[in-house]
Amino acid sequence: MDSINDKWLTIEELVAYLKMGRTKLYTMAQKGEIPGSKIGNQWRFDREEIDVWIKSGRAAKKENKQAERL
């Protein structure tokens, strides 16, 4: 996958990059839980922003809060 090094990732590239499900990532994007931009009817994700988001712990904090509610 050569495009994984591109600045902007499609949803399919993000699925491969994060090893997460497509539906889960769409839901997170629609709720604003993951940094992304909707351009027309397609989502794009800045790889650097995704890396910062993961390293900041915001991804884990959101998941932990959801698990506590169950």
PDB file of N, CA and C in Angstrom:
ATOM      1  N   MET A   1       0.849  -1.180   0.000  1.00  0.00           N
ATOM      2  CA  MET A   1       0.000   0.000   0.000  1.00  0.00           C
ATOM      3  C   MET A   1       0.892   1.239   0.000  1.00  0.00           C
ATOM      4  N   ASP A   2       1.172   1.773  -1.172  1.00  0.00           N
ATOM      5  CA  ASP A   2       2.060   2.919  -1.306  1.00  0.00           C
ATOM      6  C   ASP A   2       1.456   4.187  -0.730  1.00  0.00           C
ATOM      7  N   SER A   3       0.135   4.320  -0.797  1.00  0.00           N
ATOM      8  CA  SER A   3      -0.508   5.558  -0.387  1.00  0.00           C
ATOM      9  C   SER A   3      -0.572   5.735   1.124  1.00  0.00           C
ATOM     10  N   ILE A   4      -0.161   4.742   1.899  1.00  0.00           N
ATOM     11  CA  ILE A   4      -0.208   4.867   3.361  1.00  0.00           C
ATOM     12  C   ILE A   4       0.716   5.994   3.824  1.00  0.00           C
ATOM     13  N   ASN A   5       1.696   6.358   3.009  1.00  0.00           N
ATOM     14  CA  ASN A   5       2.604   7.445   3.360  1.00  0.00           C
ATOM     15  C   ASN A   5       2.097   8.803   2.893  1.00  0.00           C
ATOM     16  N   ASP A   6       0.965   8.840   2.184  1.00  0.00           N
ATOM     17  CA  ASP A   6       0.380  10.103   1.764  1.00  0.00           C
ATOM     18  C   ASP A   6      -0.113  10.875   2.983  1.00  0.00           C
ATOM     19  N   LYS A   7      -0.178  12.199   2.820  1.00  0.00           N
ATOM     20  CA  LYS A   7      -0.649  13.043   3.919  1.00  0.00           C
ATOM     21  C   LYS A   7      -2.124  12.758   4.227  1.00  0.00           C
ATOM     22  N   TRP A   8      -2.940  12.613   3.207  1.00  0.00           N
ATOM     23  CA  TRP A   8      -4.369  12.415   3.391  1.00  0.00           C
ATOM     24  C   TRP A   8      -4.734  10.967   3.124  1.00  0.00           C
ATOM     25  N   LEU A   9      -5.436  10.366   4.063  1.00  0.00           N
ATOM     26  CA  LEU A   9      -5.854   8.972   3.952  1.00  0.00           C
ATOM     27  C   LEU A   9      -7.347   8.895   3.659  1.00  0.00           C
ATOM     28  N   THR A  10      -7.731   7.938   2.839  1.00  0.00           N
ATOM     29  CA  THR A  10      -9.148   7.638   2.642  1.00  0.00           C
ATOM     30  C   THR A  10      -9.595   6.762   3.810  1.00  0.00           C
ATOM     31  N   ILE A  11     -10.879   6.490   3.885  1.00  0.00           N
ATOM     32  CA  ILE A  11     -11.379   5.629   4.959  1.00  0.00           C
ATOM     33  C   ILE A  11     -10.777   4.232   4.848  1.00  0.00           C
ATOM     34  N   GLU A  12     -10.627   3.728   3.635  1.00  0.00           N
ATOM     35  CA  GLU A  12     -10.061   2.393   3.454  1.00  0.00           C
ATOM     36  C   GLU A  12      -8.599   2.353   3.897  1.00  0.00           C
ATOM     37  N   GLU A  13      -7.845   3.403   3.592  1.00  0.00           N
ATOM     38  CA  GLU A  13      -6.450   3.467   4.018  1.00  0.00           C
ATOM     39  C   GLU A  13      -6.356   3.594   5.532  1.00  0.00           C
ATOM     40  N   LEU A  14      -7.292   4.346   6.121  1.00  0.00           N
ATOM     41  CA  LEU A  14      -7.305   4.495   7.577  1.00  0.00           C
ATOM     42  C   LEU A  14      -7.638   3.164   8.261  1.00  0.00           C
ATOM     43  N   VAL A  15      -8.539   2.409   7.680  1.00  0.00           N
ATOM     44  CA  VAL A  15      -8.872   1.079   8.196  1.00  0.00           C
ATOM     45  C   VAL A  15      -7.610   0.226   8.271  1.00  0.00           C
ATOM     46  N   ALA A  16      -6.823   0.236   7.201  1.00  0.00           N
ATOM     47  CA  ALA A  16      -5.588  -0.556   7.169  1.00  0.00           C
ATOM     48  C   ALA A  16      -4.551   0.014   8.134  1.00  0.00           C
ATOM     49  N   TYR A  17      -4.453   1.333   8.200  1.00  0.00           N
ATOM     50  CA  TYR A  17      -3.455   2.002   9.042  1.00  0.00           C
ATOM     51  C   TYR A  17      -3.700   1.740  10.522  1.00  0.00           C
ATOM     52  N   LEU A  18      -4.966   1.829  10.941  1.00  0.00           N
ATOM     53  CA  LEU A  18      -5.303   1.667  12.357  1.00  0.00           C
ATOM     54  C   LEU A  18      -5.728   0.244  12.713  1.00  0.00           C
ATOM     55  N   LYS A  19      -5.945  -0.576  11.691  1.00  0.00           N
ATOM     56  CA  LYS A  19      -6.413  -1.955  11.909  1.00  0.00           C
ATOM     57  C   LYS A  19      -7.712  -1.961  12.720  1.00  0.00           C
ATOM     58  N   MET A  20      -8.636  -1.113  12.262  1.00  0.00           N
ATOM     59  CA  MET A  20      -9.961  -1.012  12.882  1.00  0.00           C
ATOM     60  C   MET A  20     -11.012  -1.228  11.802  1.00  0.00           C
ATOM     61  N   GLY A  21     -12.228  -1.456  12.228  1.00  0.00           N
ATOM     62  CA  GLY A  21     -13.323  -1.684  11.289  1.00  0.00           C
ATOM     63  C   GLY A  21     -13.778  -0.405  10.608  1.00  0.00           C
ATOM     64  N   ARG A  22     -14.208  -0.568   9.375  1.00  0.00           N
ATOM     65  CA  ARG A  22     -14.672   0.572   8.580  1.00  0.00           C
ATOM     66  C   ARG A  22     -15.890   1.242   9.210  1.00  0.00           C
ATOM     67  N   THR A  23     -16.859   0.447   9.633  1.00  0.00           N
ATOM     68  CA  THR A  23     -18.085   0.992  10.229  1.00  0.00           C
ATOM     69  C   THR A  23     -17.763   1.782  11.493  1.00  0.00           C
ATOM     70  N   LYS A  24     -16.883   1.245  12.337  1.00  0.00           N
ATOM     71  CA  LYS A  24     -16.497   1.920  13.572  1.00  0.00           C
ATOM     72  C   LYS A  24     -15.849   3.264  13.263  1.00  0.00           C
ATOM     73  N   LEU A  25     -14.949   3.296  12.283  1.00  0.00           N
ATOM     74  CA  LEU A  25     -14.272   4.550  11.939  1.00  0.00           C
ATOM     75  C   LEU A  25     -15.237   5.569  11.343  1.00  0.00           C
ATOM     76  N   TYR A  26     -16.177   5.121  10.503  1.00  0.00           N
ATOM     77  CA  TYR A  26     -17.195   6.034   9.974  1.00  0.00           C
ATOM     78  C   TYR A  26     -18.004   6.646  11.109  1.00  0.00           C
ATOM     79  N   THR A  27     -18.424   5.811  12.039  1.00  0.00           N
ATOM     80  CA  THR A  27     -19.211   6.299  13.174  1.00  0.00           C
ATOM     81  C   THR A  27     -18.420   7.311  13.984  1.00  0.00           C
ATOM     82  N   MET A  28     -17.160   6.998  14.254  1.00  0.00           N
ATOM     83  CA  MET A  28     -16.309   7.919  15.018  1.00  0.00           C
ATOM     84  C   MET A  28     -16.126   9.236  14.275  1.00  0.00           C
ATOM     85  N   ALA A  29     -15.949   9.177  12.963  1.00  0.00           N
ATOM     86  CA  ALA A  29     -15.773  10.392  12.162  1.00  0.00           C
ATOM     87  C   ALA A  29     -17.042  11.239  12.197  1.00  0.00           C
ATOM     88  N   GLN A  30     -18.184  10.613  12.031  1.00  0.00           N
ATOM     89  CA  GLN A  30     -19.453  11.334  12.030  1.00  0.00           C
ATOM     90  C   GLN A  30     -19.737  11.997  13.372  1.00  0.00           C
ATOM     91  N   LYS A  31     -19.288  11.374  14.464  1.00  0.00           N
ATOM     92  CA  LYS A  31     -19.494  11.931  15.799  1.00  0.00           C
ATOM     93  C   LYS A  31     -18.402  12.927  16.191  1.00  0.00           C
ATOM     94  N   GLY A  32     -17.390  13.089  15.343  1.00  0.00           N
ATOM     95  CA  GLY A  32     -16.293  13.996  15.665  1.00  0.00           C
ATOM     96  C   GLY A  32     -15.322  13.429  16.679  1.00  0.00           C
ATOM     97  N   GLU A  33     -15.310  12.117  16.833  1.00  0.00           N
ATOM     98  CA  GLU A  33     -14.435  11.469  17.813  1.00  0.00           C
ATOM     99  C   GLU A  33     -13.035  11.206  17.274  1.00  0.00           C
ATOM    100  N   ILE A  34     -12.867  11.354  15.970  1.00  0.00           N
ATOM    101  CA  ILE A  34     -11.576  11.142  15.332  1.00  0.00           C
ATOM    102  C   ILE A  34     -11.362  12.311  14.370  1.00  0.00           C
ATOM    103  N   PRO A  35     -10.145  12.853  14.302  1.00  0.00           N
ATOM    104  CA  PRO A  35      -9.937  14.003  13.418  1.00  0.00           C
ATOM    105  C   PRO A  35     -10.066  13.615  11.950  1.00  0.00           C
ATOM    106  N   GLY A  36     -10.927  14.307  11.243  1.00  0.00           N
ATOM    107  CA  GLY A  36     -11.124  14.039   9.825  1.00  0.00           C
ATOM    108  C   GLY A  36     -11.917  15.160   9.186  1.00  0.00           C
ATOM    109  N   SER A  37     -11.948  15.147   7.861  1.00  0.00           N
ATOM    110  CA  SER A  37     -12.683  16.161   7.106  1.00  0.00           C
ATOM    111  C   SER A  37     -13.528  15.477   6.056  1.00  0.00           C
ATOM    112  N   LYS A  38     -14.757  15.921   5.942  1.00  0.00           N
ATOM    113  CA  LYS A  38     -15.617  15.385   4.903  1.00  0.00           C
ATOM    114  C   LYS A  38     -15.558  16.331   3.715  1.00  0.00           C
ATOM    115  N   ILE A  39     -15.179  15.785   2.587  1.00  0.00           N
ATOM    116  CA  ILE A  39     -15.074  16.559   1.355  1.00  0.00           C
ATOM    117  C   ILE A  39     -16.095  15.976   0.393  1.00  0.00           C
ATOM    118  N   GLY A  40     -17.164  16.724   0.163  1.00  0.00           N
ATOM    119  CA  GLY A  40     -18.269  16.176  -0.623  1.00  0.00           C
ATOM    120  C   GLY A  40     -18.906  15.048   0.159  1.00  0.00           C
ATOM    121  N   ASN A  41     -18.881  13.852  -0.394  1.00  0.00           N
ATOM    122  CA  ASN A  41     -19.446  12.711   0.323  1.00  0.00           C
ATOM    123  C   ASN A  41     -18.361  11.734   0.784  1.00  0.00           C
ATOM    124  N   GLN A  42     -17.102  12.173   0.758  1.00  0.00           N
ATOM    125  CA  GLN A  42     -15.994  11.303   1.153  1.00  0.00           C
ATOM    126  C   GLN A  42     -15.239  11.886   2.344  1.00  0.00           C
ATOM    127  N   TRP A  43     -14.797  11.002   3.226  1.00  0.00           N
ATOM    128  CA  TRP A  43     -13.989  11.409   4.365  1.00  0.00           C
ATOM    129  C   TRP A  43     -12.518  11.343   4.001  1.00  0.00           C
ATOM    130  N   ARG A  44     -11.741  12.295   4.527  1.00  0.00           N
ATOM    131  CA  ARG A  44     -10.285  12.283   4.395  1.00  0.00           C
ATOM    132  C   ARG A  44      -9.697  12.524   5.775  1.00  0.00           C
ATOM    133  N   PHE A  45      -8.581  11.866   6.045  1.00  0.00           N
ATOM    134  CA  PHE A  45      -7.948  11.924   7.360  1.00  0.00           C
ATOM    135  C   PHE A  45      -6.478  12.274   7.195  1.00  0.00           C
ATOM    136  N   ASP A  46      -6.044  13.305   7.901  1.00  0.00           N
ATOM    137  CA  ASP A  46      -4.649  13.733   7.882  1.00  0.00           C
ATOM    138  C   ASP A  46      -3.851  12.752   8.737  1.00  0.00           C
ATOM    139  N   ARG A  47      -2.926  12.050   8.099  1.00  0.00           N
ATOM    140  CA  ARG A  47      -2.164  11.009   8.798  1.00  0.00           C
ATOM    141  C   ARG A  47      -1.442  11.565  10.014  1.00  0.00           C
ATOM    142  N   GLU A  48      -0.874  12.761   9.899  1.00  0.00           N
ATOM    143  CA  GLU A  48      -0.162  13.361  11.037  1.00  0.00           C
ATOM    144  C   GLU A  48      -1.116  13.662  12.186  1.00  0.00           C
ATOM    145  N   GLU A  49      -2.316  14.161  11.878  1.00  0.00           N
ATOM    146  CA  GLU A  49      -3.298  14.438  12.929  1.00  0.00           C
ATOM    147  C   GLU A  49      -3.754  13.151  13.599  1.00  0.00           C
ATOM    148  N   ILE A  50      -3.899  12.091  12.825  1.00  0.00           N
ATOM    149  CA  ILE A  50      -4.282  10.794  13.386  1.00  0.00           C
ATOM    150  C   ILE A  50      -3.193  10.307  14.338  1.00  0.00           C
ATOM    151  N   ASP A  51      -1.926  10.450  13.919  1.00  0.00           N
ATOM    152  CA  ASP A  51      -0.809  10.035  14.783  1.00  0.00           C
ATOM    153  C   ASP A  51      -0.798  10.810  16.093  1.00  0.00           C
ATOM    154  N   VAL A  52      -1.005  12.124  16.026  1.00  0.00           N
ATOM    155  CA  VAL A  52      -1.044  12.962  17.226  1.00  0.00           C
ATOM    156  C   VAL A  52      -2.224  12.557  18.102  1.00  0.00           C
ATOM    157  N   TRP A  53      -3.370  12.313  17.487  1.00  0.00           N
ATOM    158  CA  TRP A  53      -4.581  11.909  18.208  1.00  0.00           C
ATOM    159  C   TRP A  53      -4.339  10.623  18.989  1.00  0.00           C
ATOM    160  N   ILE A  54      -3.692   9.663  18.357  1.00  0.00           N
ATOM    161  CA  ILE A  54      -3.418   8.388  19.028  1.00  0.00           C
ATOM    162  C   ILE A  54      -2.401   8.593  20.150  1.00  0.00           C
ATOM    163  N   LYS A  55      -1.326   9.302  19.867  1.00  0.00           N
ATOM    164  CA  LYS A  55      -0.262   9.502  20.861  1.00  0.00           C
ATOM    165  C   LYS A  55      -0.735  10.325  22.055  1.00  0.00           C
ATOM    166  N   SER A  56      -1.715  11.195  21.827  1.00  0.00           N
ATOM    167  CA  SER A  56      -2.218  12.039  22.918  1.00  0.00           C
ATOM    168  C   SER A  56      -3.057  11.252  23.910  1.00  0.00           C
ATOM    169  N   GLY A  57      -3.495  10.068  23.513  1.00  0.00           N
ATOM    170  CA  GLY A  57      -4.329   9.264  24.390  1.00  0.00           C
ATOM    171  C   GLY A  57      -5.804   9.568  24.253  1.00  0.00           C
ATOM    172  N   ARG A  58      -6.177  10.514  23.398  1.00  0.00           N
ATOM    173  CA  ARG A  58      -7.594  10.849  23.238  1.00  0.00           C
ATOM    174  C   ARG A  58      -8.388   9.658  22.722  1.00  0.00           C
ATOM    175  N   ALA A  59      -7.785   8.828  21.884  1.00  0.00           N
ATOM    176  CA  ALA A  59      -8.487   7.655  21.356  1.00  0.00           C
ATOM    177  C   ALA A  59      -8.810   6.690  22.487  1.00  0.00           C
ATOM    178  N   ALA A  60      -7.845   6.411  23.335  1.00  0.00           N
ATOM    179  CA  ALA A  60      -8.038   5.475  24.445  1.00  0.00           C
ATOM    180  C   ALA A  60      -9.005   6.030  25.478  1.00  0.00           C
ATOM    181  N   LYS A  61      -8.928   7.324  25.757  1.00  0.00           N
ATOM    182  CA  LYS A  61      -9.816   7.924  26.749  1.00  0.00           C
ATOM    183  C   LYS A  61     -11.271   7.793  26.331  1.00  0.00           C
ATOM    184  N   LYS A  62     -11.557   7.998  25.049  1.00  0.00           N
ATOM    185  CA  LYS A  62     -12.920   7.898  24.550  1.00  0.00           C
ATOM    186  C   LYS A  62     -13.417   6.463  24.674  1.00  0.00           C
ATOM    187  N   GLU A  63     -12.586   5.498  24.313  1.00  0.00           N
ATOM    188  CA  GLU A  63     -12.969   4.095  24.416  1.00  0.00           C
ATOM    189  C   GLU A  63     -13.216   3.699  25.871  1.00  0.00           C
ATOM    190  N   ASN A  64     -12.378   4.169  26.802  1.00  0.00           N
ATOM    191  CA  ASN A  64     -12.539   3.834  28.221  1.00  0.00           C
ATOM    192  C   ASN A  64     -13.850   4.407  28.769  1.00  0.00           C
ATOM    193  N   LYS A  65     -14.206   5.611  28.379  1.00  0.00           N
ATOM    194  CA  LYS A  65     -15.454   6.201  28.854  1.00  0.00           C
ATOM    195  C   LYS A  65     -16.649   5.402  28.374  1.00  0.00           C
ATOM    196  N   GLN A  66     -16.601   4.940  27.131  1.00  0.00           N
ATOM    197  CA  GLN A  66     -17.697   4.135  26.599  1.00  0.00           C
ATOM    198  C   GLN A  66     -17.788   2.804  27.326  1.00  0.00           C
ATOM    199  N   ALA A  67     -16.675   2.188  27.642  1.00  0.00           N
ATOM    200  CA  ALA A  67     -16.663   0.905  28.338  1.00  0.00           C
ATOM    201  C   ALA A  67     -17.211   1.051  29.763  1.00  0.00           C
ATOM    202  N   GLU A  68     -16.944   2.198  30.404  1.00  0.00           N
ATOM    203  CA  GLU A  68     -17.427   2.412  31.767  1.00  0.00           C
ATOM    204  C   GLU A  68     -18.951   2.516  31.804  1.00  0.00           C
ATOM    205  N   ARG A  69     -19.550   2.984  30.732  1.00  0.00           N
ATOM    206  CA  ARG A  69     -21.003   3.138  30.686  1.00  0.00           C
ATOM    207  C   ARG A  69     -21.711   1.785  30.616  1.00  0.00           C
ATOM    208  N   LEU A  70     -21.026   0.771  30.109  1.00  0.00           N
ATOM    209  CA  LEU A  70     -21.663  -0.547  29.929  1.00  0.00           C
ATOM    210  C   LEU A  70     -21.824  -1.307  31.197  1.00  0.00           C
TER     211      LEU A  70
END
